[in-house]
Amino acid sequence: MAPLPHWDNSTAGRNSYEPIFQNQFEFIITPPAAIAGDPNVPLLIEQILTVSGIPEQMTQASVTQYYKFSKRAYAAAIPNETLAKLVCQFEVNLDNENNMYVYNTLRAWADLIYDPLTGRQGLKRDYVGSAKLVIFNKAGDIFREFTFVNMFLDKELTAMTLNYTGAEVYKLTVGFTSDTWRETRIGQIPV
């Protein structure tokens, strides 16, 4: 007989297993060396709202063969994606000098790739940075961690939409591409 839906039959309930709250994280960005020394860089961690596109590696069964009309499937010989494509949203504030420091930091990074005011284009070694994403429980114990390397901006910065009758604040959405990443998980099963 299947166990009845009662608290006594729930391992997670009896053992007080914690759920994973998706607001318990820090995303620590290290921009390229040309701007990493800017005093406003550490403030990026304070202004980040969301991180999406966290990589999940899976090769789908996409090769199909036949024996007469009977199908059989195999995992593909290559993964669907080997890059990490992250999307982050930041709040943008003005400091006491009217410096929109989050925008200016990320704009400087974008200018290392292509500066629209001068036409200068950068080399990859000069515009890549890195990041560390740590995910933890409410007590601050890390259970999953990502390190992204060779990371750069890959989308236009969000333009302001001005509106005389609106009360919205400016939020900046930024896309990052990372060539590779390392992941560590508590309970990771070695294969």
N, C-alpha and C. Protein backbone atom coordinates (compact mmCIF):
# COMPACT_ATOMS: atom_id res chain seq x y z
N MET A 1 0.85 -1.18 0.00
CA MET A 1 0.00 0.00 0.00
C MET A 1 0.89 1.24 0.00
N ALA A 2 0.54 2.22 -0.79
CA ALA A 2 1.29 3.47 -0.87
C ALA A 2 1.11 4.24 0.43
N PRO A 3 2.17 4.99 0.85
CA PRO A 3 2.04 5.78 2.08
C PRO A 3 0.98 6.87 1.91
N LEU A 4 0.24 7.10 2.97
CA LEU A 4 -0.81 8.13 2.95
C LEU A 4 -0.18 9.52 3.02
N PRO A 5 -0.88 10.55 2.48
CA PRO A 5 -0.33 11.90 2.48
C PRO A 5 -0.43 12.53 3.87
N HIS A 6 0.44 12.10 4.75
CA HIS A 6 0.45 12.59 6.13
C HIS A 6 1.86 13.02 6.47
N TRP A 7 1.98 13.99 7.37
CA TRP A 7 3.29 14.51 7.78
C TRP A 7 4.21 13.39 8.22
N ASP A 8 3.70 12.38 8.92
CA ASP A 8 4.54 11.27 9.40
C ASP A 8 5.23 10.53 8.26
N ASN A 9 4.67 10.60 7.07
CA ASN A 9 5.23 9.88 5.93
C ASN A 9 6.13 10.75 5.06
N SER A 10 6.40 11.96 5.49
CA SER A 10 7.25 12.88 4.73
C SER A 10 8.63 12.95 5.36
N THR A 11 9.63 12.44 4.67
CA THR A 11 11.01 12.51 5.16
C THR A 11 11.44 13.96 5.33
N ALA A 12 11.13 14.80 4.34
CA ALA A 12 11.52 16.22 4.43
C ALA A 12 10.83 16.90 5.60
N GLY A 13 9.57 16.56 5.87
CA GLY A 13 8.84 17.16 6.97
C GLY A 13 9.37 16.71 8.32
N ARG A 14 9.53 15.41 8.51
CA ARG A 14 10.00 14.87 9.79
C ARG A 14 11.41 15.35 10.15
N ASN A 15 12.24 15.55 9.11
CA ASN A 15 13.63 15.94 9.35
C ASN A 15 13.87 17.44 9.21
N SER A 16 12.81 18.21 9.04
CA SER A 16 12.91 19.68 8.92
C SER A 16 13.88 20.11 7.82
N TYR A 17 13.79 19.44 6.67
CA TYR A 17 14.62 19.84 5.52
C TYR A 17 14.15 21.22 5.05
N GLU A 18 15.10 22.09 4.77
CA GLU A 18 14.79 23.46 4.34
C GLU A 18 14.49 23.51 2.84
N PRO A 19 13.53 24.32 2.43
CA PRO A 19 13.36 24.57 1.00
C PRO A 19 14.48 25.47 0.50
N ILE A 20 14.63 25.54 -0.79
CA ILE A 20 15.62 26.43 -1.40
C ILE A 20 14.93 27.75 -1.74
N PHE A 21 15.32 28.79 -1.04
CA PHE A 21 14.78 30.12 -1.29
C PHE A 21 15.64 30.79 -2.36
N GLN A 22 15.03 31.25 -3.43
CA GLN A 22 15.77 31.77 -4.56
C GLN A 22 16.23 33.22 -4.38
N ASN A 23 16.05 33.76 -3.18
CA ASN A 23 16.57 35.10 -2.90
C ASN A 23 17.82 35.03 -2.02
N GLN A 24 18.36 33.86 -1.81
CA GLN A 24 19.54 33.69 -0.97
C GLN A 24 20.75 33.43 -1.87
N PHE A 25 21.33 34.50 -2.40
CA PHE A 25 22.48 34.37 -3.30
C PHE A 25 23.28 35.66 -3.29
N GLU A 26 24.51 35.54 -3.77
CA GLU A 26 25.33 36.71 -4.06
C GLU A 26 26.00 36.47 -5.39
N PHE A 27 26.05 37.50 -6.21
CA PHE A 27 26.72 37.45 -7.50
C PHE A 27 27.82 38.49 -7.47
N ILE A 28 29.05 38.02 -7.37
CA ILE A 28 30.20 38.90 -7.20
C ILE A 28 30.91 39.01 -8.54
N ILE A 29 30.88 40.19 -9.12
CA ILE A 29 31.41 40.42 -10.45
C ILE A 29 32.79 41.07 -10.35
N THR A 30 33.73 40.53 -11.12
CA THR A 30 35.05 41.13 -11.26
C THR A 30 35.20 41.58 -12.70
N PRO A 31 35.05 42.87 -12.96
CA PRO A 31 35.16 43.37 -14.34
C PRO A 31 36.61 43.25 -14.85
N PRO A 32 36.83 43.58 -16.12
CA PRO A 32 38.19 43.57 -16.66
C PRO A 32 39.12 44.48 -15.87
N ALA A 33 40.41 44.20 -15.97
CA ALA A 33 41.42 44.93 -15.20
C ALA A 33 41.35 46.44 -15.41
N ALA A 34 41.00 46.89 -16.60
CA ALA A 34 40.97 48.33 -16.90
C ALA A 34 39.98 49.09 -16.02
N ILE A 35 38.94 48.41 -15.54
CA ILE A 35 37.95 49.11 -14.70
C ILE A 35 37.78 48.47 -13.32
N ALA A 36 38.47 47.35 -13.06
CA ALA A 36 38.29 46.63 -11.79
C ALA A 36 38.68 47.46 -10.58
N GLY A 37 39.57 48.43 -10.77
CA GLY A 37 40.00 49.26 -9.65
C GLY A 37 39.07 50.42 -9.32
N ASP A 38 38.03 50.60 -10.10
CA ASP A 38 37.09 51.70 -9.83
C ASP A 38 36.42 51.48 -8.47
N PRO A 39 36.34 52.51 -7.64
CA PRO A 39 35.77 52.33 -6.30
C PRO A 39 34.29 51.94 -6.29
N ASN A 40 33.60 52.10 -7.40
CA ASN A 40 32.18 51.76 -7.46
C ASN A 40 31.93 50.29 -7.82
N VAL A 41 32.94 49.56 -8.25
CA VAL A 41 32.75 48.15 -8.64
C VAL A 41 32.15 47.32 -7.51
N PRO A 42 32.62 47.45 -6.26
CA PRO A 42 32.01 46.64 -5.19
C PRO A 42 30.52 46.93 -4.97
N LEU A 43 30.04 48.08 -5.43
CA LEU A 43 28.63 48.42 -5.25
C LEU A 43 27.72 47.63 -6.18
N LEU A 44 28.28 46.98 -7.20
CA LEU A 44 27.44 46.18 -8.10
C LEU A 44 26.70 45.10 -7.32
N ILE A 45 27.34 44.51 -6.32
CA ILE A 45 26.72 43.43 -5.55
C ILE A 45 25.50 43.94 -4.78
N GLU A 46 25.50 45.21 -4.41
CA GLU A 46 24.38 45.77 -3.65
C GLU A 46 23.17 46.06 -4.53
N GLN A 47 23.39 46.29 -5.81
CA GLN A 47 22.32 46.75 -6.68
C GLN A 47 21.71 45.65 -7.55
N ILE A 48 22.24 44.45 -7.48
CA ILE A 48 21.73 43.39 -8.35
C ILE A 48 20.39 42.88 -7.82
N LEU A 49 19.44 42.68 -8.72
CA LEU A 49 18.12 42.19 -8.35
C LEU A 49 17.94 40.72 -8.71
N THR A 50 18.30 40.37 -9.96
CA THR A 50 18.06 39.00 -10.42
C THR A 50 19.24 38.49 -11.23
N VAL A 51 19.39 37.18 -11.22
CA VAL A 51 20.34 36.47 -12.09
C VAL A 51 19.57 35.31 -12.69
N SER A 52 19.55 35.23 -14.02
CA SER A 52 18.91 34.09 -14.68
C SER A 52 19.87 33.53 -15.72
N GLY A 53 19.54 32.34 -16.23
CA GLY A 53 20.40 31.68 -17.21
C GLY A 53 21.48 30.85 -16.58
N ILE A 54 21.33 30.53 -15.29
CA ILE A 54 22.32 29.68 -14.63
C ILE A 54 22.40 28.36 -15.40
N PRO A 55 23.59 27.96 -15.81
CA PRO A 55 23.70 26.82 -16.72
C PRO A 55 23.28 25.49 -16.08
N GLU A 56 22.53 24.75 -16.84
CA GLU A 56 22.19 23.37 -16.51
C GLU A 56 22.61 22.54 -17.71
N GLN A 57 23.57 21.69 -17.51
CA GLN A 57 24.15 20.93 -18.61
C GLN A 57 23.33 19.68 -18.86
N MET A 58 22.87 19.54 -20.09
CA MET A 58 22.14 18.33 -20.45
C MET A 58 22.25 18.12 -21.94
N THR A 59 22.60 16.90 -22.30
CA THR A 59 22.61 16.53 -23.70
C THR A 59 21.30 15.81 -23.96
N GLN A 60 20.53 16.29 -24.90
CA GLN A 60 19.23 15.70 -25.17
C GLN A 60 19.37 14.53 -26.13
N ALA A 61 18.45 13.58 -25.99
CA ALA A 61 18.41 12.46 -26.92
C ALA A 61 17.88 12.97 -28.23
N SER A 62 18.78 13.26 -29.15
CA SER A 62 18.33 13.88 -30.39
C SER A 62 18.71 13.09 -31.64
N VAL A 63 19.36 11.97 -31.46
CA VAL A 63 19.69 11.13 -32.60
C VAL A 63 18.72 9.96 -32.60
N THR A 64 18.01 9.79 -33.69
CA THR A 64 17.02 8.71 -33.79
C THR A 64 17.41 7.78 -34.94
N GLN A 65 17.31 6.51 -34.66
CA GLN A 65 17.52 5.50 -35.70
C GLN A 65 16.29 4.61 -35.76
N TYR A 66 16.21 3.81 -36.81
CA TYR A 66 15.05 2.95 -36.99
C TYR A 66 15.47 1.51 -37.27
N TYR A 67 14.67 0.61 -36.79
CA TYR A 67 14.65 -0.76 -37.28
C TYR A 67 13.24 -0.95 -37.80
N LYS A 68 13.12 -0.93 -39.11
CA LYS A 68 11.82 -0.91 -39.79
C LYS A 68 11.04 0.30 -39.29
N PHE A 69 9.96 0.14 -38.54
CA PHE A 69 9.21 1.29 -38.04
C PHE A 69 9.45 1.55 -36.56
N SER A 70 10.28 0.75 -35.94
CA SER A 70 10.57 0.90 -34.51
C SER A 70 11.72 1.88 -34.31
N LYS A 71 11.52 2.86 -33.45
CA LYS A 71 12.53 3.89 -33.21
C LYS A 71 13.40 3.54 -32.01
N ARG A 72 14.62 4.02 -32.06
CA ARG A 72 15.50 4.01 -30.90
C ARG A 72 16.23 5.35 -30.87
N ALA A 73 16.50 5.85 -29.69
CA ALA A 73 17.09 7.18 -29.55
C ALA A 73 18.41 7.10 -28.78
N TYR A 74 19.29 8.05 -29.07
CA TYR A 74 20.60 8.13 -28.43
C TYR A 74 20.86 9.58 -28.02
N ALA A 75 21.65 9.72 -27.01
CA ALA A 75 22.09 11.07 -26.65
C ALA A 75 22.96 11.60 -27.78
N ALA A 76 22.86 12.87 -28.04
CA ALA A 76 23.65 13.48 -29.11
C ALA A 76 25.14 13.41 -28.78
N ALA A 77 25.95 13.58 -29.78
CA ALA A 77 27.40 13.50 -29.60
C ALA A 77 28.00 14.80 -29.08
N ILE A 78 27.18 15.86 -29.05
CA ILE A 78 27.65 17.14 -28.51
C ILE A 78 26.56 17.71 -27.61
N PRO A 79 26.96 18.50 -26.60
CA PRO A 79 25.94 19.13 -25.74
C PRO A 79 25.22 20.24 -26.50
N ASN A 80 24.05 20.61 -25.99
CA ASN A 80 23.28 21.69 -26.61
C ASN A 80 24.02 23.02 -26.53
N GLU A 81 24.73 23.25 -25.45
CA GLU A 81 25.40 24.54 -25.24
C GLU A 81 26.60 24.33 -24.33
N THR A 82 27.69 25.01 -24.63
CA THR A 82 28.86 24.95 -23.75
C THR A 82 29.18 26.31 -23.14
N LEU A 83 28.47 27.35 -23.57
CA LEU A 83 28.65 28.68 -23.00
C LEU A 83 27.63 28.90 -21.88
N ALA A 84 27.98 29.74 -20.93
CA ALA A 84 27.00 30.20 -19.95
C ALA A 84 26.47 31.54 -20.45
N LYS A 85 25.15 31.69 -20.52
CA LYS A 85 24.51 32.92 -20.98
C LYS A 85 23.65 33.45 -19.83
N LEU A 86 24.19 34.39 -19.09
CA LEU A 86 23.51 34.92 -17.91
C LEU A 86 22.83 36.25 -18.24
N VAL A 87 21.73 36.51 -17.56
CA VAL A 87 21.04 37.79 -17.67
C VAL A 87 20.86 38.31 -16.24
N CYS A 88 21.30 39.52 -16.01
CA CYS A 88 21.22 40.12 -14.67
C CYS A 88 20.46 41.43 -14.76
N GLN A 89 19.70 41.70 -13.72
CA GLN A 89 19.01 42.98 -13.63
C GLN A 89 19.52 43.73 -12.41
N PHE A 90 19.82 45.01 -12.62
CA PHE A 90 20.34 45.88 -11.57
C PHE A 90 19.40 47.06 -11.35
N GLU A 91 19.35 47.53 -10.11
CA GLU A 91 18.74 48.82 -9.83
C GLU A 91 19.82 49.87 -10.05
N VAL A 92 19.43 51.05 -10.50
CA VAL A 92 20.40 52.11 -10.77
C VAL A 92 20.05 53.30 -9.90
N ASN A 93 21.01 53.73 -9.11
CA ASN A 93 20.84 54.89 -8.23
C ASN A 93 21.88 55.95 -8.60
N LEU A 94 21.65 57.15 -8.11
CA LEU A 94 22.62 58.23 -8.22
C LEU A 94 23.29 58.42 -6.87
N ASP A 95 24.63 58.58 -6.86
CA ASP A 95 25.29 58.86 -5.59
C ASP A 95 25.21 60.36 -5.30
N ASN A 96 25.92 60.82 -4.30
CA ASN A 96 25.84 62.23 -3.90
C ASN A 96 26.39 63.19 -4.94
N GLU A 97 27.16 62.69 -5.91
CA GLU A 97 27.69 63.52 -6.99
C GLU A 97 26.87 63.37 -8.28
N ASN A 98 25.69 62.72 -8.21
CA ASN A 98 24.84 62.44 -9.37
C ASN A 98 25.48 61.45 -10.34
N ASN A 99 26.35 60.60 -9.84
CA ASN A 99 27.00 59.56 -10.64
C ASN A 99 26.09 58.33 -10.62
N MET A 100 25.61 57.90 -11.79
CA MET A 100 24.83 56.66 -11.85
C MET A 100 25.84 55.51 -11.96
N TYR A 101 26.42 55.18 -10.81
CA TYR A 101 27.61 54.34 -10.72
C TYR A 101 27.44 52.94 -11.30
N VAL A 102 26.29 52.31 -11.14
CA VAL A 102 26.09 50.98 -11.73
C VAL A 102 26.13 51.07 -13.25
N TYR A 103 25.38 52.00 -13.81
CA TYR A 103 25.38 52.18 -15.26
C TYR A 103 26.78 52.52 -15.76
N ASN A 104 27.45 53.46 -15.10
CA ASN A 104 28.77 53.90 -15.57
C ASN A 104 29.80 52.77 -15.52
N THR A 105 29.73 51.93 -14.50
CA THR A 105 30.65 50.79 -14.42
C THR A 105 30.41 49.82 -15.57
N LEU A 106 29.14 49.47 -15.80
CA LEU A 106 28.83 48.52 -16.87
C LEU A 106 29.03 49.15 -18.24
N ARG A 107 28.79 50.44 -18.37
CA ARG A 107 29.03 51.12 -19.65
C ARG A 107 30.52 51.15 -19.96
N ALA A 108 31.36 51.38 -18.96
CA ALA A 108 32.81 51.35 -19.18
C ALA A 108 33.23 49.97 -19.68
N TRP A 109 32.62 48.92 -19.10
CA TRP A 109 32.92 47.55 -19.54
C TRP A 109 32.51 47.39 -21.01
N ALA A 110 31.32 47.86 -21.35
CA ALA A 110 30.85 47.77 -22.74
C ALA A 110 31.76 48.56 -23.67
N ASP A 111 32.25 49.72 -23.22
CA ASP A 111 33.13 50.55 -24.05
C ASP A 111 34.46 49.85 -24.33
N LEU A 112 34.87 48.92 -23.46
CA LEU A 112 36.09 48.16 -23.72
C LEU A 112 35.91 47.22 -24.92
N ILE A 113 34.66 46.83 -25.18
CA ILE A 113 34.36 45.97 -26.33
C ILE A 113 34.26 46.82 -27.59
N TYR A 114 33.43 47.84 -27.53
CA TYR A 114 33.28 48.79 -28.63
C TYR A 114 32.88 50.14 -28.04
N ASP A 115 33.68 51.15 -28.32
CA ASP A 115 33.39 52.49 -27.82
C ASP A 115 32.69 53.27 -28.94
N PRO A 116 31.37 53.53 -28.79
CA PRO A 116 30.63 54.21 -29.87
C PRO A 116 31.06 55.66 -30.07
N LEU A 117 31.75 56.24 -29.10
CA LEU A 117 32.16 57.64 -29.24
C LEU A 117 33.45 57.79 -30.04
N THR A 118 34.27 56.72 -30.07
CA THR A 118 35.55 56.81 -30.78
C THR A 118 35.68 55.77 -31.89
N GLY A 119 34.88 54.71 -31.85
CA GLY A 119 35.00 53.64 -32.83
C GLY A 119 36.03 52.59 -32.44
N ARG A 120 36.70 52.76 -31.30
CA ARG A 120 37.72 51.81 -30.86
C ARG A 120 37.09 50.47 -30.52
N GLN A 121 37.71 49.39 -30.97
CA GLN A 121 37.28 48.04 -30.62
C GLN A 121 38.36 47.40 -29.76
N GLY A 122 37.93 46.63 -28.76
CA GLY A 122 38.87 46.00 -27.86
C GLY A 122 39.17 44.56 -28.23
N LEU A 123 40.25 44.06 -27.70
CA LEU A 123 40.62 42.65 -27.83
C LEU A 123 40.04 41.88 -26.66
N LYS A 124 39.73 40.62 -26.88
CA LYS A 124 39.06 39.83 -25.85
C LYS A 124 39.83 39.86 -24.53
N ARG A 125 41.15 39.76 -24.60
CA ARG A 125 41.95 39.74 -23.36
C ARG A 125 41.74 41.00 -22.52
N ASP A 126 41.29 42.09 -23.17
CA ASP A 126 41.10 43.36 -22.47
C ASP A 126 39.67 43.58 -21.98
N TYR A 127 38.69 42.80 -22.47
CA TYR A 127 37.30 43.05 -22.06
C TYR A 127 36.65 41.90 -21.31
N VAL A 128 37.39 40.85 -20.99
CA VAL A 128 36.78 39.76 -20.21
C VAL A 128 37.01 39.96 -18.72
N GLY A 129 36.01 39.58 -17.96
CA GLY A 129 36.08 39.58 -16.50
C GLY A 129 35.68 38.21 -16.00
N SER A 130 35.25 38.17 -14.76
CA SER A 130 34.81 36.90 -14.18
C SER A 130 33.73 37.20 -13.14
N ALA A 131 33.13 36.15 -12.64
CA ALA A 131 32.10 36.32 -11.61
C ALA A 131 32.01 35.05 -10.78
N LYS A 132 31.50 35.22 -9.60
CA LYS A 132 31.26 34.10 -8.70
C LYS A 132 29.83 34.21 -8.20
N LEU A 133 29.07 33.14 -8.37
CA LEU A 133 27.69 33.07 -7.89
C LEU A 133 27.63 32.05 -6.77
N VAL A 134 27.22 32.49 -5.59
CA VAL A 134 27.07 31.56 -4.47
C VAL A 134 25.60 31.55 -4.06
N ILE A 135 25.09 30.36 -3.85
CA ILE A 135 23.71 30.17 -3.45
C ILE A 135 23.74 29.49 -2.09
N PHE A 136 22.97 30.00 -1.13
CA PHE A 136 23.09 29.52 0.24
C PHE A 136 21.73 29.43 0.90
N ASN A 137 21.72 28.81 2.08
CA ASN A 137 20.47 28.73 2.84
C ASN A 137 20.33 29.98 3.71
N LYS A 138 19.25 30.04 4.50
CA LYS A 138 18.99 31.24 5.30
C LYS A 138 20.04 31.47 6.38
N ALA A 139 20.79 30.44 6.73
CA ALA A 139 21.87 30.60 7.71
C ALA A 139 23.18 31.03 7.05
N GLY A 140 23.19 31.11 5.71
CA GLY A 140 24.39 31.54 4.99
C GLY A 140 25.30 30.39 4.58
N ASP A 141 24.86 29.15 4.76
CA ASP A 141 25.66 27.99 4.38
C ASP A 141 25.54 27.77 2.87
N ILE A 142 26.67 27.83 2.17
CA ILE A 142 26.68 27.68 0.71
C ILE A 142 26.45 26.23 0.35
N PHE A 143 25.50 25.99 -0.58
CA PHE A 143 25.27 24.63 -1.06
C PHE A 143 25.51 24.48 -2.56
N ARG A 144 25.65 25.61 -3.27
CA ARG A 144 25.94 25.56 -4.70
C ARG A 144 26.73 26.81 -5.06
N GLU A 145 27.76 26.62 -5.87
CA GLU A 145 28.64 27.73 -6.21
C GLU A 145 29.09 27.60 -7.66
N PHE A 146 29.08 28.72 -8.37
CA PHE A 146 29.56 28.77 -9.75
C PHE A 146 30.67 29.81 -9.85
N THR A 147 31.68 29.50 -10.64
CA THR A 147 32.70 30.47 -11.00
C THR A 147 32.67 30.59 -12.52
N PHE A 148 32.44 31.79 -13.01
CA PHE A 148 32.38 32.06 -14.45
C PHE A 148 33.65 32.77 -14.87
N VAL A 149 34.30 32.28 -15.91
CA VAL A 149 35.55 32.89 -16.38
C VAL A 149 35.39 33.31 -17.84
N ASN A 150 36.29 34.20 -18.27
CA ASN A 150 36.23 34.76 -19.62
C ASN A 150 34.81 35.26 -19.91
N MET A 151 34.30 36.09 -19.01
CA MET A 151 32.93 36.58 -19.08
C MET A 151 32.93 38.01 -19.64
N PHE A 152 31.98 38.30 -20.52
CA PHE A 152 31.88 39.64 -21.08
C PHE A 152 30.42 39.99 -21.36
N LEU A 153 30.17 41.28 -21.52
CA LEU A 153 28.82 41.76 -21.85
C LEU A 153 28.49 41.34 -23.28
N ASP A 154 27.27 40.84 -23.48
CA ASP A 154 26.91 40.38 -24.82
C ASP A 154 25.63 40.99 -25.36
N LYS A 155 25.06 41.95 -24.67
CA LYS A 155 23.84 42.61 -25.13
C LYS A 155 23.95 44.11 -24.87
N GLU A 156 23.14 44.87 -25.58
CA GLU A 156 23.10 46.31 -25.32
C GLU A 156 22.58 46.56 -23.91
N LEU A 157 23.07 47.62 -23.28
CA LEU A 157 22.55 48.01 -21.98
C LEU A 157 21.11 48.51 -22.17
N THR A 158 20.28 48.32 -21.17
CA THR A 158 18.88 48.74 -21.24
C THR A 158 18.80 50.26 -21.37
N ALA A 159 18.13 50.70 -22.40
CA ALA A 159 17.94 52.14 -22.59
C ALA A 159 16.86 52.64 -21.62
N MET A 160 16.99 53.89 -21.22
CA MET A 160 15.95 54.51 -20.40
C MET A 160 14.71 54.76 -21.25
N THR A 161 13.55 54.54 -20.67
CA THR A 161 12.28 54.90 -21.30
C THR A 161 11.67 56.00 -20.44
N LEU A 162 11.72 57.21 -20.94
CA LEU A 162 11.25 58.36 -20.17
C LEU A 162 9.76 58.57 -20.39
N ASN A 163 9.06 58.98 -19.32
CA ASN A 163 7.61 59.09 -19.38
C ASN A 163 7.17 60.13 -18.35
N TYR A 164 6.58 61.23 -18.81
CA TYR A 164 6.14 62.28 -17.89
C TYR A 164 5.09 61.80 -16.89
N THR A 165 4.30 60.82 -17.24
CA THR A 165 3.24 60.39 -16.34
C THR A 165 3.57 59.11 -15.59
N GLY A 166 4.77 58.58 -15.75
CA GLY A 166 5.15 57.33 -15.09
C GLY A 166 5.94 57.58 -13.82
N ALA A 167 5.91 56.61 -12.95
CA ALA A 167 6.66 56.70 -11.69
C ALA A 167 7.71 55.59 -11.58
N GLU A 168 7.99 54.92 -12.69
CA GLU A 168 8.93 53.81 -12.67
C GLU A 168 10.35 54.30 -12.46
N VAL A 169 11.16 53.46 -11.83
CA VAL A 169 12.58 53.75 -11.68
C VAL A 169 13.35 52.96 -12.73
N TYR A 170 14.52 53.43 -13.06
CA TYR A 170 15.35 52.81 -14.10
C TYR A 170 15.98 51.54 -13.55
N LYS A 171 15.77 50.45 -14.26
CA LYS A 171 16.42 49.18 -13.97
C LYS A 171 17.20 48.78 -15.21
N LEU A 172 18.38 48.28 -14.99
CA LEU A 172 19.31 47.96 -16.07
C LEU A 172 19.43 46.45 -16.21
N THR A 173 19.12 45.93 -17.39
CA THR A 173 19.27 44.51 -17.66
C THR A 173 20.52 44.32 -18.51
N VAL A 174 21.35 43.38 -18.10
CA VAL A 174 22.64 43.15 -18.74
C VAL A 174 22.77 41.67 -19.06
N GLY A 175 23.27 41.36 -20.26
CA GLY A 175 23.56 39.98 -20.63
C GLY A 175 25.05 39.73 -20.58
N PHE A 176 25.43 38.57 -20.06
CA PHE A 176 26.82 38.16 -20.00
C PHE A 176 26.98 36.81 -20.70
N THR A 177 28.08 36.62 -21.38
CA THR A 177 28.46 35.30 -21.90
C THR A 177 29.78 34.93 -21.24
N SER A 178 29.85 33.68 -20.78
CA SER A 178 31.07 33.16 -20.18
C SER A 178 31.48 31.92 -20.97
N ASP A 179 32.76 31.87 -21.33
CA ASP A 179 33.26 30.73 -22.11
C ASP A 179 33.13 29.42 -21.36
N THR A 180 33.30 29.47 -20.07
CA THR A 180 33.24 28.24 -19.28
C THR A 180 32.90 28.58 -17.84
N TRP A 181 32.60 27.58 -17.08
CA TRP A 181 32.30 27.76 -15.67
C TRP A 181 32.68 26.51 -14.90
N ARG A 182 32.82 26.70 -13.60
CA ARG A 182 33.03 25.59 -12.67
C ARG A 182 31.90 25.63 -11.68
N GLU A 183 31.38 24.47 -11.36
CA GLU A 183 30.27 24.38 -10.41
C GLU A 183 30.64 23.41 -9.30
N THR A 184 30.28 23.77 -8.09
CA THR A 184 30.44 22.90 -6.93
C THR A 184 29.10 22.84 -6.22
N ARG A 185 28.67 21.62 -5.88
CA ARG A 185 27.41 21.42 -5.15
C ARG A 185 27.65 20.52 -3.95
N ILE A 186 27.02 20.83 -2.85
CA ILE A 186 27.03 19.92 -1.72
C ILE A 186 26.22 18.70 -2.13
N GLY A 187 26.74 17.51 -1.89
CA GLY A 187 26.04 16.28 -2.25
C GLY A 187 26.21 15.88 -3.70
N GLN A 188 27.13 16.56 -4.41
CA GLN A 188 27.36 16.26 -5.81
C GLN A 188 27.76 14.79 -5.96
N ILE A 189 27.13 14.08 -6.85
CA ILE A 189 27.38 12.64 -7.03
C ILE A 189 28.46 12.49 -8.09
N PRO A 190 29.63 11.94 -7.72
CA PRO A 190 30.69 11.77 -8.72
C PRO A 190 30.33 10.63 -9.68
N VAL A 191 30.54 10.92 -10.96
CA VAL A 191 30.29 9.89 -11.98
C VAL A 191 31.51 9.68 -12.83
